[in-house]
Protein backbone atom coordinates (compact mmCIF):
# COMPACT_ATOMS: atom_id res chain seq x y z
CA MET A 1 223.76 -118.52 141.70
CA THR A 2 221.26 -121.21 142.58
CA ASP A 3 218.48 -122.79 141.40
CA ASN A 4 215.87 -121.08 143.42
CA GLU A 5 217.92 -117.73 142.67
CA ARG A 6 217.61 -118.17 139.26
CA THR A 7 213.92 -118.68 139.21
CA LYS A 8 213.13 -115.93 141.10
CA TRP A 9 215.20 -113.71 138.67
CA ILE A 10 213.08 -115.18 135.68
CA ARG A 11 209.86 -114.39 137.23
CA ARG A 12 211.10 -110.77 137.16
CA VAL A 13 211.13 -110.64 133.23
CA PRO A 14 208.10 -108.92 131.79
CA TRP A 15 205.08 -110.97 130.28
CA VAL A 16 206.99 -114.77 129.70
CA GLY A 17 209.03 -115.02 133.30
CA GLU A 18 205.87 -116.58 135.26
CA LYS A 19 205.88 -118.99 132.09
CA ILE A 20 209.23 -119.69 131.91
CA ALA A 21 210.09 -119.96 135.76
CA ASP A 22 206.59 -122.59 136.46
CA ARG A 23 207.81 -124.92 134.07
CA LEU A 24 211.58 -125.03 135.69
CA ASP A 25 209.88 -125.10 139.25
CA HIS A 26 207.35 -127.98 137.52
CA ALA A 27 204.91 -126.43 139.98
CA PRO A 28 201.52 -127.52 139.64
CA THR A 29 199.04 -125.14 138.95
CA VAL A 30 195.47 -124.46 140.29
CA ALA A 31 193.01 -122.71 138.48
CA VAL A 32 191.08 -120.12 140.29
CA LEU A 33 187.75 -119.37 139.19
CA ARG A 34 185.39 -116.89 141.05
CA LEU A 35 181.85 -116.61 141.29
CA ASP A 36 181.23 -113.53 143.10
CA GLY A 37 177.61 -111.99 143.51
CA VAL A 38 174.06 -112.69 142.74
CA ILE A 39 173.37 -115.36 140.18
CA GLY A 40 171.47 -114.17 137.07
CA ARG A 41 170.95 -110.87 134.90
CA HIS A 42 170.66 -108.19 137.05
CA GLY A 43 170.56 -104.02 135.70
CA GLY A 44 170.54 -102.78 132.21
CA ILE A 45 173.68 -101.36 130.39
CA ARG A 46 175.98 -102.83 133.92
CA ARG A 47 174.45 -106.40 133.83
CA GLY A 48 175.83 -107.30 136.54
CA GLY A 49 175.10 -110.71 138.08
CA LEU A 50 176.56 -114.50 137.47
CA THR A 51 175.31 -116.00 134.28
CA MET A 52 176.43 -118.59 131.89
CA ALA A 53 176.47 -116.18 129.43
CA ASP A 54 179.22 -114.00 131.07
CA LEU A 55 181.46 -117.27 132.44
CA ALA A 56 181.36 -119.26 129.59
CA GLU A 57 184.53 -117.72 128.39
CA PRO A 58 186.01 -117.65 132.15
CA ILE A 59 185.32 -121.33 132.76
CA GLU A 60 186.63 -122.59 129.49
CA GLN A 61 190.27 -120.70 129.73
CA ALA A 62 190.12 -122.42 133.39
CA PHE A 63 189.98 -125.75 132.21
CA LYS A 64 192.14 -124.97 129.19
CA MET A 65 195.18 -123.20 131.38
CA PRO A 66 198.64 -125.47 130.64
CA ARG A 67 199.94 -127.55 133.34
CA VAL A 68 196.58 -127.15 135.36
CA SER A 69 196.46 -129.95 138.05
CA ALA A 70 193.00 -128.67 139.56
CA ILE A 71 189.98 -126.03 139.37
CA ALA A 72 189.58 -124.22 141.89
CA LEU A 73 186.29 -122.29 142.88
CA SER A 74 185.81 -119.55 145.18
CA VAL A 75 182.41 -119.33 145.75
CA ASN A 76 180.56 -115.97 147.43
CA SER A 77 176.96 -115.60 146.66
CA PRO A 78 173.72 -115.64 147.91
CA GLY A 79 172.07 -117.23 145.64
CA GLY A 80 169.47 -115.72 142.43
CA SER A 81 168.30 -117.62 139.61
CA PRO A 82 167.74 -121.49 139.97
CA VAL A 83 168.11 -121.72 135.96
CA GLN A 84 171.75 -120.07 135.90
CA SER A 85 172.66 -121.81 139.05
CA ALA A 86 171.93 -125.43 137.44
CA LEU A 87 173.49 -123.82 134.34
CA ILE A 88 176.95 -122.52 135.29
CA ALA A 89 177.13 -125.59 137.82
CA LYS A 90 176.79 -128.21 135.00
CA ARG A 91 178.98 -126.67 132.51
CA ILE A 92 181.88 -126.68 135.03
CA ARG A 93 181.19 -130.28 135.90
CA SER A 94 181.42 -131.60 132.62
CA LEU A 95 184.87 -129.67 131.33
CA ALA A 96 185.84 -131.59 135.11
CA ALA A 97 184.68 -134.84 134.00
CA GLU A 98 185.61 -134.30 130.06
CA ASN A 99 189.25 -133.15 131.48
CA GLU A 100 190.08 -135.75 134.57
CA LEU A 101 190.31 -132.62 137.13
CA PRO A 102 189.63 -131.73 140.35
CA LEU A 103 187.23 -129.69 141.31
CA TYR A 104 187.31 -127.82 145.02
CA ALA A 105 184.88 -124.98 145.96
CA PHE A 106 186.04 -122.47 148.62
CA CYS A 107 182.90 -120.83 149.86
CA GLU A 108 183.93 -116.88 151.24
CA ASP A 109 181.18 -115.23 153.18
CA VAL A 110 178.32 -116.73 151.70
CA ALA A 111 177.36 -120.03 149.63
CA ALA A 112 173.66 -120.07 150.39
CA SER A 113 170.85 -121.30 147.98
CA GLY A 114 172.09 -121.09 143.63
CA GLY A 115 175.74 -120.46 145.78
CA TYR A 116 175.31 -123.45 148.01
CA TRP A 117 174.09 -124.94 144.36
CA LEU A 118 177.25 -124.07 142.42
CA ALA A 119 179.80 -125.11 145.23
CA CYS A 120 178.05 -128.75 145.18
CA ALA A 121 179.75 -128.70 141.39
CA ALA A 122 183.11 -129.37 143.01
CA ASP A 123 184.32 -132.30 144.90
CA GLU A 124 184.92 -131.19 147.94
CA ILE A 125 183.86 -128.09 149.71
CA TYR A 126 185.64 -126.28 152.43
CA ALA A 127 184.51 -122.83 154.22
CA ASP A 128 185.16 -120.54 157.05
CA GLY A 129 184.51 -121.70 159.98
CA ALA A 130 182.01 -118.11 160.11
CA SER A 131 180.97 -118.69 156.33
CA ILE A 132 176.95 -119.14 155.89
CA ILE A 133 176.26 -122.03 153.90
CA GLY A 134 173.25 -123.77 153.28
CA SER A 135 169.46 -122.28 152.30
CA ILE A 136 168.61 -124.99 150.46
CA GLY A 137 164.73 -123.88 149.48
CA VAL A 138 163.33 -121.59 147.16
CA VAL A 139 161.68 -118.31 147.71
CA SER A 140 159.35 -115.67 145.85
CA ALA A 141 158.72 -112.15 147.00
CA GLY A 142 156.79 -109.18 145.94
CA PHE A 143 154.55 -106.73 147.05
CA GLY A 144 150.74 -106.33 146.76
CA PHE A 145 149.03 -102.63 145.98
CA PRO A 146 145.20 -103.49 145.22
CA ALA A 147 144.41 -101.47 148.86
CA LEU A 148 146.94 -98.29 147.67
CA LEU A 149 145.31 -98.40 144.45
CA GLU A 150 141.82 -97.90 145.84
CA LYS A 151 143.10 -95.54 148.30
CA ILE A 152 144.38 -93.05 145.98
CA GLY A 153 141.38 -93.74 143.46
CA ILE A 154 142.96 -95.37 140.36
CA ASP A 155 141.67 -97.68 138.58
CA ARG A 156 143.70 -100.13 137.04
CA ARG A 157 142.47 -101.73 133.77
CA VAL A 158 144.10 -105.15 132.43
CA TYR A 159 142.72 -107.45 129.31
CA THR A 160 143.95 -110.29 128.12
CA ALA A 161 143.81 -113.18 126.00
CA GLY A 162 143.98 -116.50 128.21
CA GLU A 163 142.39 -116.69 132.13
CA LYS A 164 145.68 -116.72 133.47
CA LYS A 165 147.68 -114.21 131.86
CA ALA A 166 147.52 -112.01 134.24
CA ILE A 167 148.56 -114.36 137.33
CA LEU A 168 149.82 -112.74 140.35
CA ASP A 169 149.12 -109.09 139.29
CA PRO A 170 150.21 -107.02 142.33
CA PHE A 171 147.64 -104.93 141.56
CA GLN A 172 145.02 -107.25 142.45
CA THR A 173 143.69 -109.18 145.24
CA GLU A 174 145.31 -112.31 145.56
CA ASN A 175 143.72 -115.00 144.04
CA PRO A 176 144.10 -118.39 146.13
CA ASP A 177 144.55 -120.43 142.50
CA ASP A 178 147.34 -118.14 142.17
CA ILE A 179 148.85 -119.13 144.71
CA GLU A 180 148.79 -122.61 144.51
CA HIS A 181 150.40 -122.70 141.29
CA LEU A 182 153.01 -120.61 142.26
CA LYS A 183 153.68 -123.20 145.03
CA GLU A 184 153.76 -125.84 142.71
CA LEU A 185 156.42 -123.75 140.36
CA GLN A 186 158.60 -123.74 143.99
CA ALA A 187 157.84 -126.85 144.79
CA ASP A 188 159.43 -128.55 141.33
CA ILE A 189 162.39 -125.99 141.53
CA HIS A 190 162.78 -127.31 145.43
CA GLU A 191 162.86 -131.06 144.43
CA GLN A 192 165.27 -130.10 141.36
CA PHE A 193 167.75 -128.34 143.56
CA LYS A 194 167.51 -131.51 146.27
CA ALA A 195 168.30 -133.64 143.86
CA HIS A 196 171.49 -131.66 142.80
CA VAL A 197 172.66 -131.91 146.57
CA ARG A 198 171.84 -135.28 146.93
CA ALA A 199 173.62 -136.57 143.52
CA ARG A 200 176.95 -134.17 144.71
CA ARG A 201 176.98 -135.16 148.12
CA GLY A 202 175.39 -138.70 148.75
CA ASP A 203 176.58 -140.33 151.73
CA ARG A 204 178.41 -137.11 153.03
CA LEU A 205 175.26 -135.56 154.39
CA GLU A 206 174.88 -136.26 158.04
CA ALA A 207 171.08 -134.94 158.74
CA ASP A 208 167.31 -135.74 157.98
CA GLU A 209 166.44 -133.95 154.94
CA ASP A 210 163.71 -132.20 156.79
CA VAL A 211 166.21 -130.54 158.22
CA LEU A 212 168.83 -129.63 155.47
CA PHE A 213 166.55 -128.95 152.67
CA SER A 214 164.19 -126.29 154.91
CA GLY A 215 166.02 -123.54 153.64
CA GLU A 216 167.87 -123.09 157.11
CA PHE A 217 171.30 -121.88 156.76
CA TRP A 218 174.22 -122.69 159.31
CA THR A 219 177.77 -121.42 159.86
CA GLY A 220 180.64 -123.03 158.20
CA ASN A 221 181.58 -124.98 161.36
CA ARG A 222 177.68 -126.15 161.83
CA SER A 223 177.76 -127.30 158.24
CA GLN A 224 180.68 -129.34 158.35
CA ALA A 225 179.02 -131.43 160.83
CA LEU A 226 175.71 -131.41 158.83
CA GLY A 227 177.89 -132.81 155.65
CA LEU A 228 177.21 -129.70 153.85
CA VAL A 229 180.83 -129.26 153.60
CA ASP A 230 183.96 -131.14 153.79
CA GLY A 231 186.36 -129.26 155.98
CA ILE A 232 187.29 -125.57 157.25
CA GLY A 233 190.01 -123.96 155.39
CA ASP A 234 190.66 -121.62 152.92
CA LEU A 235 191.99 -122.08 149.16
CA ARG A 236 195.67 -121.34 149.67
CA THR A 237 196.28 -123.35 152.60
CA VAL A 238 194.22 -126.39 151.23
CA MET A 239 195.51 -126.56 147.93
CA ARG A 240 199.27 -126.45 149.57
CA GLU A 241 198.49 -129.24 151.40
CA LYS A 242 197.10 -131.18 148.60
CA PHE A 243 199.73 -129.89 145.76
CA GLY A 244 202.90 -128.60 147.74
CA GLU A 245 204.24 -125.44 148.82
CA LYS A 246 205.16 -124.46 145.03
CA VAL A 247 201.83 -124.66 143.52
CA ARG A 248 200.95 -121.57 141.59
CA LEU A 249 197.40 -120.13 141.92
CA LYS A 250 196.09 -118.44 139.05
CA VAL A 251 192.61 -116.07 139.11
CA VAL A 252 191.35 -116.41 136.00
CA GLY A 253 189.31 -113.72 134.46
CA GLY A 254 189.01 -110.07 136.42
CA ARG A 255 186.88 -107.27 137.58
CA ARG A 256 185.77 -104.53 134.94
CA GLY A 257 187.57 -101.41 134.70
CA TRP A 258 187.05 -98.45 136.73
CA LEU A 259 186.32 -96.58 133.11
CA GLU A 260 183.55 -99.34 132.28
CA ARG A 261 181.90 -99.13 135.95
CA ARG A 262 181.53 -95.13 135.50
CA LEU A 263 180.16 -95.53 132.49
CA GLY A 264 178.00 -97.85 132.82
CA MET A 265 176.36 -95.99 136.03
CA ARG A 266 176.39 -92.76 134.37
CA ALA A 267 174.12 -94.10 131.83
CA ALA A 268 171.78 -95.99 133.28
CA TRP A 269 171.69 -94.54 136.60
CA ALA A 270 168.03 -94.93 138.22
CA ASP A 271 168.27 -99.18 136.88
CA GLU A 272 171.72 -99.24 138.86
CA LEU A 273 170.04 -97.63 141.78
CA LEU A 274 166.90 -100.46 142.12
CA ASP A 275 169.32 -103.15 140.71
CA ALA A 276 171.81 -102.08 143.98
CA VAL A 277 168.88 -102.25 146.47
CA GLU A 278 167.70 -105.79 145.25
CA THR A 279 171.10 -107.29 145.40
CA ARG A 280 171.71 -105.70 148.50
CA ALA A 281 168.56 -106.89 150.28
CA GLN A 282 169.49 -110.67 149.06
CA TRP A 283 173.02 -110.34 150.91
CA ALA A 284 171.37 -108.51 153.77
CA ARG A 285 169.11 -112.00 154.23
CA PHE A 286 172.31 -113.45 155.51
CA GLY A 287 173.21 -110.36 158.20
CA LEU A 288 176.31 -109.38 155.17
């Protein structure tokens, strides 16, 4: 029996076969951390979305994996909460520096807005030629209902302590001062986003900031020309090129089980429906 045949046989041993075979092969391991979905807390009981609270354990597991040679981020997100984007990216960067491990990001369908914020945590970013990349900006959207209330004869009554407590109330006519305040908040967050991209991409950026930070988004091919990504390629191919044919890709964490998904949906179906509409709208911005 050859060494290769022996290793294949060992891998079939339940529970411990893979680990033993990896040691015999001296195969480098790349921990794959999936960052898939809208960023931030969504829904009630189901509580979907990418948050630091939910990702803290998988992130720690990735960096503590035995014989790990690198961390690969599989990013597929249209964005969401800037706070959660910053917290997740900061934790990943901190552990990468602490453990002196290279970090690679692979953008799937979309890595836009907060999704691109996460990708920028990596030392190198790769995408598919048709991936959607960018949207480095801040958006706030909603509806106004004062005309509807007047039409159907509803008198809304709001009492506050603090003149700005009911700012941006969708049931009141827009106040120019409120809009100006919102724009100041957006500008502040936008500057934080831009600073993060500058710090992580540096001299690799190949276009004027007026273009890069306009909120526009591009395909992976165009993003490479702009310096937003380093190359076109998929996770398996690039990791094999960097770490050899025997590299082991180990996905950290996983999806919720069927029973959990079903129970969550039945327990809060109305909340789930609204959340699904909101989430769908975020993906739809990028034609997905």
